Amino acid sequence: MSSHKKRMICDTSGAVLKVIDERQVEDVREHRLYSIRRRARFAIEEAVPEFKQRNIAMGIIKGAEKTKLVKAINDIRDRCNNLEEQINSVAWDGKESTRAQACDDIEAVSWND
C-alpha cells in the first residue's frame, strides 16, 4: 500500500502543467502508522530474537540479561509509541487547501535510524 497519489497534467510536449495531489489524510496516516509499527517489529526482532523473547517469558533468561533484553524491547516500543503520537497529533481542518500539507506533515514522521 502506498500513500503517494499524485497525478500530473502535461501539455503536448510533455511539460508538466500541474500536479494534482490526490492523497487522503486518513489513508496517509494509516499507511504511516503501519510502516512505523512494522519497523518496530523488525527492530525488536533484531535486538531480541524471538527465541530469546520466548526464553524470557518461560523464565529461562533471568537477572541482568533479562533486564537488558526487556529494556531493549521497551526502548523500541517507547520510540514507536512516540512516533505514533506524533502522527496522530497531526490535525487536519478538513479544508481542501490544507490537505496536502497535513499529508506531508504525517509523512515527515519517520523511523530514520
PDB file of N, CA and C in Angstrom:
ATOM      1  N   MET A   1       0.853  -1.177   0.000  1.00  0.00           N
ATOM      2  CA  MET A   1       0.000   0.000   0.000  1.00  0.00           C
ATOM      3  C   MET A   1       0.891   1.229   0.000  1.00  0.00           C
ATOM      4  N   SER A   2       0.540   2.190  -0.821  1.00  0.00           N
ATOM      5  CA  SER A   2       1.326   3.411  -0.894  1.00  0.00           C
ATOM      6  C   SER A   2       0.444   4.605  -0.573  1.00  0.00           C
ATOM      7  N   SER A   3       1.068   5.611   0.007  1.00  0.00           N
ATOM      8  CA  SER A   3       0.319   6.820   0.331  1.00  0.00           C
ATOM      9  C   SER A   3       0.570   7.909  -0.702  1.00  0.00           C
ATOM     10  N   HIS A   4       1.315   7.584  -1.742  1.00  0.00           N
ATOM     11  CA  HIS A   4       1.648   8.578  -2.756  1.00  0.00           C
ATOM     12  C   HIS A   4       0.666   8.479  -3.919  1.00  0.00           C
ATOM     13  N   LYS A   5      -0.210   9.451  -4.015  1.00  0.00           N
ATOM     14  CA  LYS A   5      -1.178   9.504  -5.098  1.00  0.00           C
ATOM     15  C   LYS A   5      -1.142  10.904  -5.680  1.00  0.00           C
ATOM     16  N   LYS A   6      -0.301  11.065  -6.663  1.00  0.00           N
ATOM     17  CA  LYS A   6      -0.205  12.350  -7.334  1.00  0.00           C
ATOM     18  C   LYS A   6      -0.354  12.113  -8.825  1.00  0.00           C
ATOM     19  N   ARG A   7      -1.012  13.036  -9.472  1.00  0.00           N
ATOM     20  CA  ARG A   7      -1.250  12.931 -10.900  1.00  0.00           C
ATOM     21  C   ARG A   7      -0.723  14.197 -11.548  1.00  0.00           C
ATOM     22  N   MET A   8      -0.070  14.036 -12.692  1.00  0.00           N
ATOM     23  CA  MET A   8       0.462  15.195 -13.409  1.00  0.00           C
ATOM     24  C   MET A   8      -0.363  15.452 -14.661  1.00  0.00           C
ATOM     25  N   ILE A   9      -0.556  16.727 -14.940  1.00  0.00           N
ATOM     26  CA  ILE A   9      -1.189  17.149 -16.184  1.00  0.00           C
ATOM     27  C   ILE A   9      -0.097  17.808 -17.005  1.00  0.00           C
ATOM     28  N   CYS A  10       0.105  17.281 -18.215  1.00  0.00           N
ATOM     29  CA  CYS A  10       1.189  17.763 -19.065  1.00  0.00           C
ATOM     30  C   CYS A  10       0.614  18.321 -20.367  1.00  0.00           C
ATOM     31  N   ASP A  11       1.385  19.204 -20.988  1.00  0.00           N
ATOM     32  CA  ASP A  11       0.983  19.689 -22.308  1.00  0.00           C
ATOM     33  C   ASP A  11       1.451  18.678 -23.350  1.00  0.00           C
ATOM     34  N   THR A  12       1.188  18.955 -24.618  1.00  0.00           N
ATOM     35  CA  THR A  12       1.507  18.003 -25.685  1.00  0.00           C
ATOM     36  C   THR A  12       3.000  17.755 -25.838  1.00  0.00           C
ATOM     37  N   SER A  13       3.839  18.661 -25.363  1.00  0.00           N
ATOM     38  CA  SER A  13       5.284  18.452 -25.457  1.00  0.00           C
ATOM     39  C   SER A  13       5.824  17.679 -24.252  1.00  0.00           C
ATOM     40  N   GLY A  14       4.964  17.392 -23.277  1.00  0.00           N
ATOM     41  CA  GLY A  14       5.382  16.651 -22.101  1.00  0.00           C
ATOM     42  C   GLY A  14       5.749  17.512 -20.913  1.00  0.00           C
ATOM     43  N   ALA A  15       5.675  18.815 -21.044  1.00  0.00           N
ATOM     44  CA  ALA A  15       5.983  19.703 -19.932  1.00  0.00           C
ATOM     45  C   ALA A  15       4.866  19.628 -18.883  1.00  0.00           C
ATOM     46  N   VAL A  16       5.242  19.568 -17.638  1.00  0.00           N
ATOM     47  CA  VAL A  16       4.268  19.457 -16.548  1.00  0.00           C
ATOM     48  C   VAL A  16       3.587  20.802 -16.358  1.00  0.00           C
ATOM     49  N   LEU A  17       2.268  20.773 -16.446  1.00  0.00           N
ATOM     50  CA  LEU A  17       1.481  21.981 -16.239  1.00  0.00           C
ATOM     51  C   LEU A  17       0.979  22.081 -14.799  1.00  0.00           C
ATOM     52  N   LYS A  18       0.633  20.934 -14.240  1.00  0.00           N
ATOM     53  CA  LYS A  18       0.041  20.928 -12.912  1.00  0.00           C
ATOM     54  C   LYS A  18       0.202  19.550 -12.284  1.00  0.00           C
ATOM     55  N   VAL A  19       0.451  19.532 -10.971  1.00  0.00           N
ATOM     56  CA  VAL A  19       0.499  18.279 -10.224  1.00  0.00           C
ATOM     57  C   VAL A  19      -0.703  18.281  -9.288  1.00  0.00           C
ATOM     58  N   ILE A  20      -1.507  17.235  -9.385  1.00  0.00           N
ATOM     59  CA  ILE A  20      -2.696  17.125  -8.549  1.00  0.00           C
ATOM     60  C   ILE A  20      -2.417  16.089  -7.460  1.00  0.00           C
ATOM     61  N   ASP A  21      -2.477  16.540  -6.229  1.00  0.00           N
ATOM     62  CA  ASP A  21      -2.224  15.678  -5.077  1.00  0.00           C
ATOM     63  C   ASP A  21      -3.547  15.046  -4.670  1.00  0.00           C
ATOM     64  N   GLU A  22      -3.640  13.720  -4.819  1.00  0.00           N
ATOM     65  CA  GLU A  22      -4.886  13.020  -4.532  1.00  0.00           C
ATOM     66  C   GLU A  22      -4.834  12.239  -3.216  1.00  0.00           C
ATOM     67  N   ARG A  23      -3.791  12.457  -2.420  1.00  0.00           N
ATOM     68  CA  ARG A  23      -3.681  11.730  -1.156  1.00  0.00           C
ATOM     69  C   ARG A  23      -4.814  12.130  -0.213  1.00  0.00           C
ATOM     70  N   GLN A  24      -5.261  11.167   0.569  1.00  0.00           N
ATOM     71  CA  GLN A  24      -6.270  11.411   1.587  1.00  0.00           C
ATOM     72  C   GLN A  24      -5.598  11.315   2.957  1.00  0.00           C
ATOM     73  N   VAL A  25      -5.897  12.237   3.839  1.00  0.00           N
ATOM     74  CA  VAL A  25      -5.216  12.347   5.123  1.00  0.00           C
ATOM     75  C   VAL A  25      -5.266  11.039   5.909  1.00  0.00           C
ATOM     76  N   GLU A  26      -6.413  10.442   6.054  1.00  0.00           N
ATOM     77  CA  GLU A  26      -6.521   9.225   6.870  1.00  0.00           C
ATOM     78  C   GLU A  26      -5.831   8.042   6.214  1.00  0.00           C
ATOM     79  N   ASP A  27      -5.800   7.994   4.886  1.00  0.00           N
ATOM     80  CA  ASP A  27      -5.046   6.933   4.201  1.00  0.00           C
ATOM     81  C   ASP A  27      -3.555   7.085   4.460  1.00  0.00           C
ATOM     82  N   VAL A  28      -3.070   8.308   4.403  1.00  0.00           N
ATOM     83  CA  VAL A  28      -1.656   8.574   4.660  1.00  0.00           C
ATOM     84  C   VAL A  28      -1.327   8.250   6.114  1.00  0.00           C
ATOM     85  N   ARG A  29      -2.204   8.645   7.018  1.00  0.00           N
ATOM     86  CA  ARG A  29      -1.986   8.369   8.448  1.00  0.00           C
ATOM     87  C   ARG A  29      -1.937   6.848   8.686  1.00  0.00           C
ATOM     88  N   GLU A  30      -2.886   6.127   8.129  1.00  0.00           N
ATOM     89  CA  GLU A  30      -2.935   4.673   8.297  1.00  0.00           C
ATOM     90  C   GLU A  30      -1.665   4.012   7.739  1.00  0.00           C
ATOM     91  N   HIS A  31      -1.236   4.449   6.578  1.00  0.00           N
ATOM     92  CA  HIS A  31      -0.037   3.889   5.957  1.00  0.00           C
ATOM     93  C   HIS A  31       1.207   4.178   6.798  1.00  0.00           C
ATOM     94  N   ARG A  32       1.321   5.403   7.308  1.00  0.00           N
ATOM     95  CA  ARG A  32       2.498   5.765   8.103  1.00  0.00           C
ATOM     96  C   ARG A  32       2.515   4.989   9.425  1.00  0.00           C
ATOM     97  N   LEU A  33       1.364   4.843  10.075  1.00  0.00           N
ATOM     98  CA  LEU A  33       1.296   4.059  11.312  1.00  0.00           C
ATOM     99  C   LEU A  33       1.692   2.607  11.049  1.00  0.00           C
ATOM    100  N   TYR A  34       1.191   2.050   9.960  1.00  0.00           N
ATOM    101  CA  TYR A  34       1.550   0.681   9.587  1.00  0.00           C
ATOM    102  C   TYR A  34       3.058   0.562   9.400  1.00  0.00           C
ATOM    103  N   SER A  35       3.653   1.516   8.700  1.00  0.00           N
ATOM    104  CA  SER A  35       5.096   1.484   8.425  1.00  0.00           C
ATOM    105  C   SER A  35       5.914   1.578   9.708  1.00  0.00           C
ATOM    106  N   ILE A  36       5.515   2.448  10.609  1.00  0.00           N
ATOM    107  CA  ILE A  36       6.231   2.620  11.874  1.00  0.00           C
ATOM    108  C   ILE A  36       6.131   1.350  12.715  1.00  0.00           C
ATOM    109  N   ARG A  37       4.951   0.779  12.792  1.00  0.00           N
ATOM    110  CA  ARG A  37       4.756  -0.443  13.585  1.00  0.00           C
ATOM    111  C   ARG A  37       5.539  -1.613  12.990  1.00  0.00           C
ATOM    112  N   ARG A  38       5.565  -1.699  11.692  1.00  0.00           N
ATOM    113  CA  ARG A  38       6.325  -2.744  11.016  1.00  0.00           C
ATOM    114  C   ARG A  38       7.814  -2.589  11.313  1.00  0.00           C
ATOM    115  N   ARG A  39       8.295  -1.362  11.239  1.00  0.00           N
ATOM    116  CA  ARG A  39       9.712  -1.102  11.527  1.00  0.00           C
ATOM    117  C   ARG A  39      10.042  -1.444  12.975  1.00  0.00           C
ATOM    118  N   ALA A  40       9.119  -1.168  13.882  1.00  0.00           N
ATOM    119  CA  ALA A  40       9.327  -1.505  15.290  1.00  0.00           C
ATOM    120  C   ALA A  40       9.415  -3.024  15.474  1.00  0.00           C
ATOM    121  N   ARG A  41       8.545  -3.763  14.795  1.00  0.00           N
ATOM    122  CA  ARG A  41       8.607  -5.229  14.887  1.00  0.00           C
ATOM    123  C   ARG A  41       9.961  -5.750  14.429  1.00  0.00           C
ATOM    124  N   PHE A  42      10.454  -5.217  13.308  1.00  0.00           N
ATOM    125  CA  PHE A  42      11.769  -5.635  12.803  1.00  0.00           C
ATOM    126  C   PHE A  42      12.876  -5.270  13.794  1.00  0.00           C
ATOM    127  N   ALA A  43      12.794  -4.082  14.376  1.00  0.00           N
ATOM    128  CA  ALA A  43      13.818  -3.637  15.325  1.00  0.00           C
ATOM    129  C   ALA A  43      13.825  -4.516  16.580  1.00  0.00           C
ATOM    130  N   ILE A  44      12.645  -4.885  17.061  1.00  0.00           N
ATOM    131  CA  ILE A  44      12.564  -5.759  18.236  1.00  0.00           C
ATOM    132  C   ILE A  44      13.156  -7.126  17.906  1.00  0.00           C
ATOM    133  N   GLU A  45      12.788  -7.674  16.772  1.00  0.00           N
ATOM    134  CA  GLU A  45      13.313  -8.985  16.383  1.00  0.00           C
ATOM    135  C   GLU A  45      14.831  -8.946  16.203  1.00  0.00           C
ATOM    136  N   GLU A  46      15.332  -7.831  15.698  1.00  0.00           N
ATOM    137  CA  GLU A  46      16.778  -7.683  15.530  1.00  0.00           C
ATOM    138  C   GLU A  46      17.485  -7.569  16.884  1.00  0.00           C
ATOM    139  N   ALA A  47      16.907  -6.809  17.789  1.00  0.00           N
ATOM    140  CA  ALA A  47      17.523  -6.586  19.096  1.00  0.00           C
ATOM    141  C   ALA A  47      17.395  -7.801  20.009  1.00  0.00           C
ATOM    142  N   VAL A  48      16.215  -8.425  19.980  1.00  0.00           N
ATOM    143  CA  VAL A  48      15.944  -9.571  20.847  1.00  0.00           C
ATOM    144  C   VAL A  48      15.208 -10.613  20.009  1.00  0.00           C
ATOM    145  N   PRO A  49      15.948 -11.541  19.427  1.00  0.00           N
ATOM    146  CA  PRO A  49      15.311 -12.551  18.575  1.00  0.00           C
ATOM    147  C   PRO A  49      14.179 -13.282  19.298  1.00  0.00           C
ATOM    148  N   GLU A  50      13.279 -13.822  18.523  1.00  0.00           N
ATOM    149  CA  GLU A  50      12.076 -14.448  19.068  1.00  0.00           C
ATOM    150  C   GLU A  50      12.394 -15.550  20.084  1.00  0.00           C
ATOM    151  N   PHE A  51      13.428 -16.339  19.822  1.00  0.00           N
ATOM    152  CA  PHE A  51      13.743 -17.415  20.769  1.00  0.00           C
ATOM    153  C   PHE A  51      14.148 -16.851  22.131  1.00  0.00           C
ATOM    154  N   LYS A  52      14.796 -15.698  22.137  1.00  0.00           N
ATOM    155  CA  LYS A  52      15.155 -15.088  23.426  1.00  0.00           C
ATOM    156  C   LYS A  52      13.920 -14.500  24.099  1.00  0.00           C
ATOM    157  N   GLN A  53      12.992 -13.966  23.304  1.00  0.00           N
ATOM    158  CA  GLN A  53      11.748 -13.467  23.876  1.00  0.00           C
ATOM    159  C   GLN A  53      10.988 -14.608  24.553  1.00  0.00           C
ATOM    160  N   ARG A  54      10.944 -15.755  23.887  1.00  0.00           N
ATOM    161  CA  ARG A  54      10.281 -16.928  24.489  1.00  0.00           C
ATOM    162  C   ARG A  54      10.997 -17.364  25.764  1.00  0.00           C
ATOM    163  N   ASN A  55      12.334 -17.365  25.720  1.00  0.00           N
ATOM    164  CA  ASN A  55      13.103 -17.774  26.896  1.00  0.00           C
ATOM    165  C   ASN A  55      12.885 -16.828  28.075  1.00  0.00           C
ATOM    166  N   ILE A  56      12.724 -15.558  27.788  1.00  0.00           N
ATOM    167  CA  ILE A  56      12.396 -14.594  28.857  1.00  0.00           C
ATOM    168  C   ILE A  56      11.028 -14.938  29.441  1.00  0.00           C
ATOM    169  N   ALA A  57      10.050 -15.157  28.567  1.00  0.00           N
ATOM    170  CA  ALA A  57       8.686 -15.451  29.017  1.00  0.00           C
ATOM    171  C   ALA A  57       8.619 -16.747  29.828  1.00  0.00           C
ATOM    172  N   MET A  58       9.455 -17.723  29.486  1.00  0.00           N
ATOM    173  CA  MET A  58       9.444 -19.007  30.198  1.00  0.00           C
ATOM    174  C   MET A  58      10.324 -18.985  31.445  1.00  0.00           C
ATOM    175  N   GLY A  59      11.024 -17.867  31.674  1.00  0.00           N
ATOM    176  CA  GLY A  59      11.852 -17.750  32.859  1.00  0.00           C
ATOM    177  C   GLY A  59      13.227 -18.378  32.719  1.00  0.00           C
ATOM    178  N   ILE A  60      13.619 -18.725  31.501  1.00  0.00           N
ATOM    179  CA  ILE A  60      14.937 -19.322  31.278  1.00  0.00           C
ATOM    180  C   ILE A  60      16.027 -18.255  31.367  1.00  0.00           C
ATOM    181  N   ILE A  61      15.743 -17.085  30.796  1.00  0.00           N
ATOM    182  CA  ILE A  61      16.679 -15.963  30.884  1.00  0.00           C
ATOM    183  C   ILE A  61      16.266 -15.120  32.080  1.00  0.00           C
ATOM    184  N   LYS A  62      17.214 -14.877  32.964  1.00  0.00           N
ATOM    185  CA  LYS A  62      16.921 -14.158  34.206  1.00  0.00           C
ATOM    186  C   LYS A  62      17.985 -13.119  34.487  1.00  0.00           C
ATOM    187  N   GLY A  63      17.781 -12.396  35.558  1.00  0.00           N
ATOM    188  CA  GLY A  63      18.786 -11.474  36.072  1.00  0.00           C
ATOM    189  C   GLY A  63      19.114 -10.327  35.141  1.00  0.00           C
ATOM    190  N   ALA A  64      20.410  -9.979  35.098  1.00  0.00           N
ATOM    191  CA  ALA A  64      20.879  -8.819  34.339  1.00  0.00           C
ATOM    192  C   ALA A  64      20.616  -8.964  32.849  1.00  0.00           C
ATOM    193  N   GLU A  65      20.754 -10.193  32.332  1.00  0.00           N
ATOM    194  CA  GLU A  65      20.499 -10.392  30.893  1.00  0.00           C
ATOM    195  C   GLU A  65      19.040 -10.118  30.561  1.00  0.00           C
ATOM    196  N   LYS A  66      18.135 -10.611  31.398  1.00  0.00           N
ATOM    197  CA  LYS A  66      16.708 -10.370  31.189  1.00  0.00           C
ATOM    198  C   LYS A  66      16.420  -8.873  31.248  1.00  0.00           C
ATOM    199  N   THR A  67      16.970  -8.207  32.239  1.00  0.00           N
ATOM    200  CA  THR A  67      16.762  -6.764  32.399  1.00  0.00           C
ATOM    201  C   THR A  67      17.222  -6.017  31.156  1.00  0.00           C
ATOM    202  N   LYS A  68      18.387  -6.384  30.652  1.00  0.00           N
ATOM    203  CA  LYS A  68      18.947  -5.733  29.466  1.00  0.00           C
ATOM    204  C   LYS A  68      18.064  -5.962  28.233  1.00  0.00           C
ATOM    205  N   LEU A  69      17.618  -7.183  28.038  1.00  0.00           N
ATOM    206  CA  LEU A  69      16.801  -7.511  26.865  1.00  0.00           C
ATOM    207  C   LEU A  69      15.417  -6.855  26.938  1.00  0.00           C
ATOM    208  N   VAL A  70      14.807  -6.894  28.114  1.00  0.00           N
ATOM    209  CA  VAL A  70      13.490  -6.257  28.285  1.00  0.00           C
ATOM    210  C   VAL A  70      13.605  -4.753  28.076  1.00  0.00           C
ATOM    211  N   LYS A  71      14.683  -4.155  28.545  1.00  0.00           N
ATOM    212  CA  LYS A  71      14.900  -2.716  28.327  1.00  0.00           C
ATOM    213  C   LYS A  71      15.019  -2.410  26.829  1.00  0.00           C
ATOM    214  N   ALA A  72      15.720  -3.253  26.099  1.00  0.00           N
ATOM    215  CA  ALA A  72      15.859  -3.045  24.648  1.00  0.00           C
ATOM    216  C   ALA A  72      14.496  -3.076  23.970  1.00  0.00           C
ATOM    217  N   ILE A  73      13.674  -4.032  24.344  1.00  0.00           N
ATOM    218  CA  ILE A  73      12.323  -4.128  23.772  1.00  0.00           C
ATOM    219  C   ILE A  73      11.502  -2.897  24.142  1.00  0.00           C
ATOM    220  N   ASN A  74      11.531  -2.515  25.403  1.00  0.00           N
ATOM    221  CA  ASN A  74      10.738  -1.369  25.864  1.00  0.00           C
ATOM    222  C   ASN A  74      11.209  -0.061  25.240  1.00  0.00           C
ATOM    223  N   ASP A  75      12.508   0.082  25.010  1.00  0.00           N
ATOM    224  CA  ASP A  75      13.017   1.290  24.339  1.00  0.00           C
ATOM    225  C   ASP A  75      12.456   1.401  22.926  1.00  0.00           C
ATOM    226  N   ILE A  76      12.395   0.284  22.226  1.00  0.00           N
ATOM    227  CA  ILE A  76      11.845   0.282  20.860  1.00  0.00           C
ATOM    228  C   ILE A  76      10.353   0.575  20.908  1.00  0.00           C
ATOM    229  N   ARG A  77       9.653  -0.026  21.842  1.00  0.00           N
ATOM    230  CA  ARG A  77       8.210   0.248  21.986  1.00  0.00           C
ATOM    231  C   ARG A  77       7.955   1.724  22.304  1.00  0.00           C
ATOM    232  N   ASP A  78       8.773   2.282  23.190  1.00  0.00           N
ATOM    233  CA  ASP A  78       8.618   3.695  23.534  1.00  0.00           C
ATOM    234  C   ASP A  78       8.834   4.582  22.315  1.00  0.00           C
ATOM    235  N   ARG A  79       9.845   4.246  21.530  1.00  0.00           N
ATOM    236  CA  ARG A  79      10.120   5.016  20.310  1.00  0.00           C
ATOM    237  C   ARG A  79       8.939   4.922  19.346  1.00  0.00           C
ATOM    238  N   CYS A  80       8.418   3.716  19.174  1.00  0.00           N
ATOM    239  CA  CYS A  80       7.256   3.518  18.299  1.00  0.00           C
ATOM    240  C   CYS A  80       6.056   4.311  18.807  1.00  0.00           C
ATOM    241  N   ASN A  81       5.792   4.242  20.107  1.00  0.00           N
ATOM    242  CA  ASN A  81       4.661   4.976  20.691  1.00  0.00           C
ATOM    243  C   ASN A  81       4.817   6.475  20.499  1.00  0.00           C
ATOM    244  N   ASN A  82       6.038   6.983  20.657  1.00  0.00           N
ATOM    245  CA  ASN A  82       6.297   8.406  20.466  1.00  0.00           C
ATOM    246  C   ASN A  82       6.006   8.813  19.023  1.00  0.00           C
ATOM    247  N   LEU A  83       6.458   8.014  18.074  1.00  0.00           N
ATOM    248  CA  LEU A  83       6.208   8.329  16.667  1.00  0.00           C
ATOM    249  C   LEU A  83       4.721   8.248  16.336  1.00  0.00           C
ATOM    250  N   GLU A  84       4.034   7.265  16.901  1.00  0.00           N
ATOM    251  CA  GLU A  84       2.586   7.157  16.697  1.00  0.00           C
ATOM    252  C   GLU A  84       1.867   8.399  17.231  1.00  0.00           C
ATOM    253  N   GLU A  85       2.294   8.874  18.393  1.00  0.00           N
ATOM    254  CA  GLU A  85       1.696  10.092  18.960  1.00  0.00           C
ATOM    255  C   GLU A  85       1.915  11.286  18.037  1.00  0.00           C
ATOM    256  N   GLN A  86       3.119  11.390  17.475  1.00  0.00           N
ATOM    257  CA  GLN A  86       3.406  12.486  16.542  1.00  0.00           C
ATOM    258  C   GLN A  86       2.495  12.405  15.317  1.00  0.00           C
ATOM    259  N   ILE A  87       2.331  11.204  14.787  1.00  0.00           N
ATOM    260  CA  ILE A  87       1.479  11.010  13.606  1.00  0.00           C
ATOM    261  C   ILE A  87       0.037  11.371  13.943  1.00  0.00           C
ATOM    262  N   ASN A  88      -0.452  10.860  15.064  1.00  0.00           N
ATOM    263  CA  ASN A  88      -1.847  11.103  15.440  1.00  0.00           C
ATOM    264  C   ASN A  88      -2.108  12.539  15.869  1.00  0.00           C
ATOM    265  N   SER A  89      -1.054  13.277  16.201  1.00  0.00           N
ATOM    266  CA  SER A  89      -1.259  14.669  16.614  1.00  0.00           C
ATOM    267  C   SER A  89      -1.398  15.624  15.427  1.00  0.00           C
ATOM    268  N   VAL A  90      -1.104  15.139  14.240  1.00  0.00           N
ATOM    269  CA  VAL A  90      -1.268  15.997  13.059  1.00  0.00           C
ATOM    270  C   VAL A  90      -2.767  16.151  12.811  1.00  0.00           C
ATOM    271  N   ALA A  91      -3.222  17.375  12.930  1.00  0.00           N
ATOM    272  CA  ALA A  91      -4.647  17.664  12.749  1.00  0.00           C
ATOM    273  C   ALA A  91      -4.886  18.243  11.362  1.00  0.00           C
ATOM    274  N   TRP A  92      -6.024  17.921  10.811  1.00  0.00           N
ATOM    275  CA  TRP A  92      -6.422  18.489   9.523  1.00  0.00           C
ATOM    276  C   TRP A  92      -7.771  19.145   9.715  1.00  0.00           C
ATOM    277  N   ASP A  93      -7.884  20.353   9.230  1.00  0.00           N
ATOM    278  CA  ASP A  93      -9.114  21.118   9.423  1.00  0.00           C
ATOM    279  C   ASP A  93     -10.221  20.763   8.439  1.00  0.00           C
ATOM    280  N   GLY A  94      -9.968  19.808   7.560  1.00  0.00           N
ATOM    281  CA  GLY A  94     -10.980  19.376   6.605  1.00  0.00           C
ATOM    282  C   GLY A  94     -11.044  20.210   5.336  1.00  0.00           C
ATOM    283  N   LYS A  95     -10.220  21.222   5.242  1.00  0.00           N
ATOM    284  CA  LYS A  95     -10.226  22.081   4.058  1.00  0.00           C
ATOM    285  C   LYS A  95      -9.310  21.491   2.990  1.00  0.00           C
ATOM    286  N   GLU A  96      -9.782  21.536   1.786  1.00  0.00           N
ATOM    287  CA  GLU A  96      -9.016  21.012   0.655  1.00  0.00           C
ATOM    288  C   GLU A  96      -7.661  21.707   0.527  1.00  0.00           C
ATOM    289  N   SER A  97      -7.626  22.984   0.852  1.00  0.00           N
ATOM    290  CA  SER A  97      -6.390  23.760   0.699  1.00  0.00           C
ATOM    291  C   SER A  97      -5.284  23.343   1.674  1.00  0.00           C
ATOM    292  N   THR A  98      -5.647  22.628   2.743  1.00  0.00           N
ATOM    293  CA  THR A  98      -4.645  22.215   3.730  1.00  0.00           C
ATOM    294  C   THR A  98      -4.405  20.707   3.732  1.00  0.00           C
ATOM    295  N   ARG A  99      -5.094  19.975   2.874  1.00  0.00           N
ATOM    296  CA  ARG A  99      -4.984  18.513   2.848  1.00  0.00           C
ATOM    297  C   ARG A  99      -3.565  18.059   2.530  1.00  0.00           C
ATOM    298  N   ALA A 100      -2.957  18.607   1.486  1.00  0.00           N
ATOM    299  CA  ALA A 100      -1.613  18.181   1.081  1.00  0.00           C
ATOM    300  C   ALA A 100      -0.594  18.456   2.187  1.00  0.00           C
ATOM    301  N   GLN A 101      -0.711  19.579   2.870  1.00  0.00           N
ATOM    302  CA  GLN A 101       0.227  19.895   3.951  1.00  0.00           C
ATOM    303  C   GLN A 101       0.071  18.928   5.116  1.00  0.00           C
ATOM    304  N   ALA A 102      -1.169  18.587   5.453  1.00  0.00           N
ATOM    305  CA  ALA A 102      -1.388  17.618   6.530  1.00  0.00           C
ATOM    306  C   ALA A 102      -0.776  16.269   6.148  1.00  0.00           C
ATOM    307  N   CYS A 103      -0.947  15.859   4.901  1.00  0.00           N
ATOM    308  CA  CYS A 103      -0.337  14.607   4.428  1.00  0.00           C
ATOM    309  C   CYS A 103       1.181  14.678   4.510  1.00  0.00           C
ATOM    310  N   ASP A 104       1.748  15.804   4.085  1.00  0.00           N
ATOM    311  CA  ASP A 104       3.204  15.983   4.157  1.00  0.00           C
ATOM    312  C   ASP A 104       3.697  15.926   5.599  1.00  0.00           C
ATOM    313  N   ASP A 105       2.948  16.543   6.518  1.00  0.00           N
ATOM    314  CA  ASP A 105       3.339  16.555   7.936  1.00  0.00           C
ATOM    315  C   ASP A 105       3.328  15.140   8.519  1.00  0.00           C
ATOM    316  N   ILE A 106       2.345  14.364   8.131  1.00  0.00           N
ATOM    317  CA  ILE A 106       2.262  12.965   8.602  1.00  0.00           C
ATOM    318  C   ILE A 106       3.435  12.158   8.025  1.00  0.00           C
ATOM    319  N   GLU A 107       3.681  12.333   6.743  1.00  0.00           N
ATOM    320  CA  GLU A 107       4.745  11.571   6.099  1.00  0.00           C
ATOM    321  C   GLU A 107       6.139  12.002   6.576  1.00  0.00           C
ATOM    322  N   ALA A 108       6.245  13.152   7.172  1.00  0.00           N
ATOM    323  CA  ALA A 108       7.539  13.618   7.681  1.00  0.00           C
ATOM    324  C   ALA A 108       7.968  12.852   8.935  1.00  0.00           C
ATOM    325  N   VAL A 109       7.016  12.227   9.615  1.00  0.00           N
ATOM    326  CA  VAL A 109       7.340  11.437  10.805  1.00  0.00           C
ATOM    327  C   VAL A 109       7.888  10.102  10.319  1.00  0.00           C
ATOM    328  N   SER A 110       9.120   9.818  10.712  1.00  0.00           N
ATOM    329  CA  SER A 110       9.785   8.635  10.173  1.00  0.00           C
ATOM    330  C   SER A 110      10.661   7.985  11.228  1.00  0.00           C
ATOM    331  N   TRP A 111      10.904   6.696  11.073  1.00  0.00           N
ATOM    332  CA  TRP A 111      11.763   5.947  11.995  1.00  0.00           C
ATOM    333  C   TRP A 111      13.202   6.422  11.904  1.00  0.00           C
ATOM    334  N   ASN A 112      13.700   6.595  10.706  1.00  0.00           N
ATOM    335  CA  ASN A 112      15.056   7.107  10.416  1.00  0.00           C
ATOM    336  C   ASN A 112      16.104   6.716  11.446  1.00  0.00           C
ATOM    337  N   ASP A 113      16.647   5.544  11.279  1.00  0.00           N
ATOM    338  CA  ASP A 113      17.741   5.096  12.167  1.00  0.00           C
ATOM    339  C   ASP A 113      18.960   5.925  12.000  1.00  0.00           C
TER     340      ASP A 113
END
